[in-house]
Amino acid sequence: MKEVRSDQRRPASETPVPRSGVQRSVPRSVIPASAPVTEGTLFGPSGAAFEVRPSDPLLGNIELDAVLANVPEFYAMKGMFFNALTSQLGERFAQVAPTLSSTPRGGAYLPFSDYPLRDFLRLYDAAARLSHPNRSSREAYRRVARQQLTAFAESALGRITMHLATDPGAALMRYTGSLGALMKGPSARARQLGASEVQIELLGYRGVLEYPLGNFEALVMGYGARPTIAVDVRGADALQFVVSW
């Protein structure tokens, strides 16, 4: 069994269950993918779980202010992801810029410099609503997250990572292993459960679960496969994904 980590932390307990290895503290039906997110927390009730496929729409809207309130100041992302969003926003970037804490001259971010995650989320929210005005914000976030993977794939690190990955499992393992170089704050680890199944855990994660969900979907779909992703919310900042295809 392969394993890659960005640090050595482990959850307090892991209880295996059949097939996927996902620990489900409550039935999946408690919070289906279509359940609206209207609470102040990022992900809804701790312990919630659901399973989703790319064709399953996510319903419900996210309160951006509630998300931002839970993001520490030192959390950051690389500029390459910001540039992808500013390109989507075009002239609309000027409307979002006054809300940002760190605005680069001309709106051009340095690809491998760190910028506040709070600023990223403001741009991400604006790009999602602009690009998908007739969809729920949850579904819009997810769809923009799929597009964000292109920014990584076009970077020097991304080209190397994707060149070495010959199938969805290898891509998921390598991408998760590189998250420490792409984001400051959260940690990640992944392990391959089978030929077509990978378990990914995010610890210390602050943001919206639709972002990694969309990333993982895009990775698998990039190889012509159709993913099914089981999501477990283990706490306010702990997520587990089991990706199968």
Protein backbone atom coordinates (compact mmCIF):
# COMPACT_ATOMS: atom_id res chain seq x y z
CA MET A 1 0.00 0.00 0.00
CA LYS A 2 1.44 3.33 -1.06
CA GLU A 3 1.33 6.40 1.14
CA VAL A 4 2.41 9.99 0.74
CA ARG A 5 2.14 12.70 3.40
CA SER A 6 2.79 16.37 3.81
CA ASP A 7 3.42 15.86 7.52
CA GLN A 8 3.31 13.11 10.12
CA ARG A 9 0.08 13.97 11.91
CA ARG A 10 -2.62 11.33 12.15
CA PRO A 11 -6.24 11.50 13.23
CA ALA A 12 -6.94 10.24 16.73
CA SER A 13 -8.72 7.16 15.41
CA GLU A 14 -9.46 5.37 12.18
CA THR A 15 -12.11 2.69 12.04
CA PRO A 16 -12.02 0.63 8.84
CA VAL A 17 -15.25 -0.31 7.08
CA PRO A 18 -15.82 -2.43 3.99
CA ARG A 19 -14.76 -1.42 0.46
CA SER A 20 -13.64 2.16 0.76
CA GLY A 21 -12.06 2.34 4.19
CA VAL A 22 -14.13 5.43 4.96
CA GLN A 23 -15.12 5.95 8.56
CA ARG A 24 -18.77 7.02 8.55
CA SER A 25 -20.00 8.35 11.87
CA VAL A 26 -23.49 8.96 10.47
CA PRO A 27 -25.38 7.57 7.47
CA ARG A 28 -24.69 9.23 4.13
CA SER A 29 -28.33 10.26 3.89
CA VAL A 30 -27.96 12.71 6.77
CA ILE A 31 -26.44 15.35 4.49
CA PRO A 32 -26.74 14.46 0.82
CA ALA A 33 -24.83 16.38 -1.81
CA SER A 34 -27.92 18.48 -2.44
CA ALA A 35 -28.24 19.68 1.16
CA PRO A 36 -27.92 23.47 1.43
CA VAL A 37 -25.10 24.93 3.46
CA THR A 38 -26.69 27.68 5.51
CA GLU A 39 -24.82 27.38 8.78
CA GLY A 40 -21.91 29.44 10.02
CA THR A 41 -19.51 26.52 9.85
CA LEU A 42 -17.67 25.72 6.66
CA PHE A 43 -19.01 22.28 5.99
CA GLY A 44 -22.21 21.76 7.95
CA PRO A 45 -22.51 19.35 10.89
CA SER A 46 -19.37 17.58 12.03
CA GLY A 47 -19.54 13.94 11.07
CA ALA A 48 -21.66 14.51 7.95
CA ALA A 49 -20.97 12.32 4.94
CA PHE A 50 -22.15 12.02 1.35
CA GLU A 51 -21.19 10.47 -1.95
CA VAL A 52 -21.19 12.35 -5.25
CA ARG A 53 -20.47 11.89 -8.94
CA PRO A 54 -19.59 14.64 -11.45
CA SER A 55 -23.14 14.68 -12.85
CA ASP A 56 -24.73 15.10 -9.41
CA PRO A 57 -25.40 18.82 -8.83
CA LEU A 58 -24.55 20.41 -5.51
CA LEU A 59 -27.41 22.55 -4.23
CA GLY A 60 -27.33 25.23 -1.57
CA ASN A 61 -25.35 28.40 -1.12
CA ILE A 62 -22.28 29.30 0.91
CA GLU A 63 -21.94 32.35 3.11
CA LEU A 64 -18.52 33.70 2.17
CA ASP A 65 -18.18 35.89 5.28
CA ALA A 66 -18.67 32.84 7.50
CA VAL A 67 -15.95 31.00 5.58
CA LEU A 68 -13.49 33.90 5.76
CA ALA A 69 -14.02 34.32 9.50
CA ASN A 70 -12.54 30.86 10.06
CA VAL A 71 -9.42 31.31 7.90
CA PRO A 72 -6.24 32.20 9.85
CA GLU A 73 -4.26 35.17 8.53
CA PHE A 74 -1.17 33.10 7.76
CA TYR A 75 -2.98 30.63 5.49
CA ALA A 76 -1.82 31.22 1.92
CA MET A 77 -1.87 29.91 -1.65
CA LYS A 78 0.49 30.28 -4.58
CA GLY A 79 -0.03 33.10 -7.04
CA MET A 80 -0.58 30.75 -10.00
CA PHE A 81 -4.07 29.99 -8.68
CA PHE A 82 -4.84 33.69 -8.24
CA ASN A 83 -3.85 34.46 -11.84
CA ALA A 84 -6.28 31.85 -13.14
CA LEU A 85 -9.09 33.60 -11.27
CA THR A 86 -8.15 37.12 -12.35
CA SER A 87 -8.20 35.90 -15.96
CA GLN A 88 -11.72 34.59 -15.45
CA LEU A 89 -12.83 37.84 -13.83
CA GLY A 90 -11.35 40.11 -16.48
CA GLU A 91 -12.61 43.66 -15.94
CA ARG A 92 -14.56 42.49 -12.90
CA PHE A 93 -11.27 42.11 -11.01
CA ALA A 94 -11.29 45.87 -10.40
CA GLN A 95 -14.52 45.47 -8.44
CA VAL A 96 -13.07 42.79 -6.18
CA ALA A 97 -9.63 44.38 -5.73
CA PRO A 98 -10.71 46.86 -2.98
CA THR A 99 -11.77 43.92 -0.77
CA LEU A 100 -8.34 42.26 -0.96
CA SER A 101 -5.61 42.70 1.63
CA SER A 102 -2.76 42.26 -0.86
CA THR A 103 -3.29 43.40 -4.44
CA PRO A 104 -0.32 43.07 -6.83
CA ARG A 105 0.44 45.85 -9.27
CA GLY A 106 -1.56 45.39 -12.43
CA GLY A 107 -3.35 42.40 -10.94
CA ALA A 108 -0.50 40.01 -11.88
CA TYR A 109 0.48 37.60 -9.11
CA LEU A 110 3.90 35.93 -8.98
CA PRO A 111 3.18 32.24 -9.65
CA PHE A 112 5.22 30.78 -6.77
CA SER A 113 4.80 33.57 -4.21
CA ASP A 114 2.41 33.18 -1.30
CA TYR A 115 -0.73 35.31 -1.07
CA PRO A 116 -3.47 35.30 1.60
CA LEU A 117 -5.97 32.48 1.35
CA ARG A 118 -8.68 34.95 2.34
CA ASP A 119 -7.94 36.94 -0.82
CA PHE A 120 -8.01 33.78 -2.89
CA LEU A 121 -11.45 32.89 -1.55
CA ARG A 122 -12.81 36.34 -2.36
CA LEU A 123 -11.59 36.02 -5.95
CA TYR A 124 -12.78 32.41 -6.12
CA ASP A 125 -16.26 33.38 -4.97
CA ALA A 126 -16.47 36.24 -7.48
CA ALA A 127 -15.23 34.07 -10.38
CA ALA A 128 -17.66 31.28 -9.50
CA ARG A 129 -20.67 33.59 -9.38
CA LEU A 130 -19.63 35.31 -12.61
CA SER A 131 -18.95 32.09 -14.52
CA HIS A 132 -22.01 30.17 -13.28
CA PRO A 133 -24.68 32.72 -12.34
CA ASN A 134 -27.57 30.27 -12.70
CA ARG A 135 -26.12 27.58 -10.44
CA SER A 136 -25.92 27.30 -6.67
CA SER A 137 -22.72 28.74 -5.23
CA ARG A 138 -21.71 25.25 -4.08
CA GLU A 139 -21.93 23.90 -7.64
CA ALA A 140 -20.29 27.02 -9.05
CA TYR A 141 -17.37 26.65 -6.61
CA ARG A 142 -16.97 23.02 -7.60
CA ARG A 143 -16.89 23.80 -11.33
CA VAL A 144 -14.33 26.58 -10.96
CA ALA A 145 -12.21 24.22 -8.82
CA ARG A 146 -12.10 21.78 -11.74
CA GLN A 147 -10.74 24.57 -13.93
CA GLN A 148 -8.17 25.53 -11.29
CA LEU A 149 -6.33 22.27 -11.84
CA THR A 150 -5.21 23.63 -15.22
CA ALA A 151 -3.21 26.35 -13.45
CA PHE A 152 -1.30 23.68 -11.54
CA ALA A 153 -0.83 21.45 -14.60
CA GLU A 154 0.69 24.35 -16.55
CA SER A 155 3.23 25.20 -13.84
CA ALA A 156 6.73 23.71 -13.73
CA LEU A 157 5.83 21.62 -10.67
CA GLY A 158 2.58 20.55 -12.27
CA ARG A 159 4.18 19.48 -15.55
CA ILE A 160 6.62 17.25 -13.70
CA THR A 161 3.92 15.86 -11.43
CA MET A 162 1.50 15.07 -14.22
CA HIS A 163 4.21 13.69 -16.51
CA LEU A 164 5.14 11.11 -13.89
CA ALA A 165 1.52 10.12 -13.22
CA THR A 166 0.28 7.47 -15.64
CA ASP A 167 -3.20 6.88 -14.17
CA PRO A 168 -5.74 8.60 -11.87
CA GLY A 169 -4.38 6.92 -8.74
CA ALA A 170 -0.83 8.09 -9.37
CA ALA A 171 -2.08 11.60 -10.20
CA LEU A 172 -4.08 11.83 -6.98
CA MET A 173 -1.16 10.58 -4.90
CA ARG A 174 1.33 12.99 -6.48
CA TYR A 175 -1.00 15.99 -6.41
CA THR A 176 -1.86 15.44 -2.75
CA GLY A 177 1.82 15.07 -1.95
CA SER A 178 2.51 18.46 -3.54
CA LEU A 179 -0.18 20.36 -1.60
CA GLY A 180 2.36 21.38 1.04
CA ALA A 181 4.24 23.29 -1.66
CA LEU A 182 1.06 24.90 -3.00
CA MET A 183 -0.76 25.91 0.19
CA LYS A 184 0.40 27.20 3.55
CA GLY A 185 -1.63 26.06 6.55
CA PRO A 186 -3.35 22.71 5.93
CA SER A 187 -1.69 19.32 5.59
CA ALA A 188 -2.62 16.33 3.47
CA ARG A 189 -1.90 12.65 3.14
CA ALA A 190 -3.09 10.02 0.72
CA ARG A 191 -2.98 6.26 0.45
CA GLN A 192 -3.96 3.95 -2.35
CA LEU A 193 -6.64 1.53 -1.20
CA GLY A 194 -6.83 -0.41 -4.44
CA ALA A 195 -6.16 -0.26 -8.16
CA SER A 196 -8.94 2.33 -8.62
CA GLU A 197 -9.42 3.87 -5.19
CA VAL A 198 -7.47 6.48 -3.21
CA GLN A 199 -8.17 7.87 0.26
CA ILE A 200 -7.19 11.49 0.91
CA GLU A 201 -7.25 13.27 4.26
CA LEU A 202 -6.98 17.03 4.74
CA LEU A 203 -6.15 18.29 8.22
CA GLY A 204 -6.21 21.88 9.39
CA TYR A 205 -8.19 22.68 6.25
CA ARG A 206 -10.01 26.01 6.08
CA GLY A 207 -12.06 26.97 3.08
CA VAL A 208 -14.82 25.12 1.26
CA LEU A 209 -14.91 21.40 0.57
CA GLU A 210 -16.07 22.07 -2.99
CA TYR A 211 -12.54 23.21 -3.87
CA PRO A 212 -10.66 19.93 -3.23
CA LEU A 213 -13.70 18.00 -4.45
CA GLY A 214 -13.53 19.73 -7.83
CA ASN A 215 -9.74 19.31 -7.98
CA PHE A 216 -9.96 15.57 -7.40
CA GLU A 217 -12.77 15.17 -9.93
CA ALA A 218 -10.73 17.00 -12.57
CA LEU A 219 -7.69 14.83 -11.93
CA VAL A 220 -9.62 11.62 -12.50
CA MET A 221 -11.63 12.93 -15.46
CA GLY A 222 -8.39 14.07 -17.08
CA TYR A 223 -7.59 10.38 -17.60
CA GLY A 224 -10.98 9.67 -19.18
CA ALA A 225 -12.38 8.02 -16.04
CA ARG A 226 -15.57 8.81 -14.12
CA PRO A 227 -14.99 9.40 -10.41
CA THR A 228 -17.23 8.69 -7.45
CA ILE A 229 -16.15 10.58 -4.35
CA ALA A 230 -17.23 9.78 -0.80
CA VAL A 231 -16.80 12.80 1.45
CA ASP A 232 -16.60 12.61 5.25
CA VAL A 233 -16.60 15.78 7.34
CA ARG A 234 -14.71 14.83 10.47
CA GLY A 235 -14.66 18.23 12.08
CA ALA A 236 -14.52 21.96 11.42
CA ASP A 237 -11.14 21.59 9.68
CA ALA A 238 -10.79 17.88 8.90
CA LEU A 239 -12.00 16.21 5.69
CA GLN A 240 -11.66 12.78 4.22
CA PHE A 241 -12.25 11.90 0.57
CA VAL A 242 -12.32 8.43 -0.91
CA VAL A 243 -11.99 8.74 -4.68
CA SER A 244 -12.88 5.73 -6.82
CA TRP A 245 -13.28 5.35 -10.56
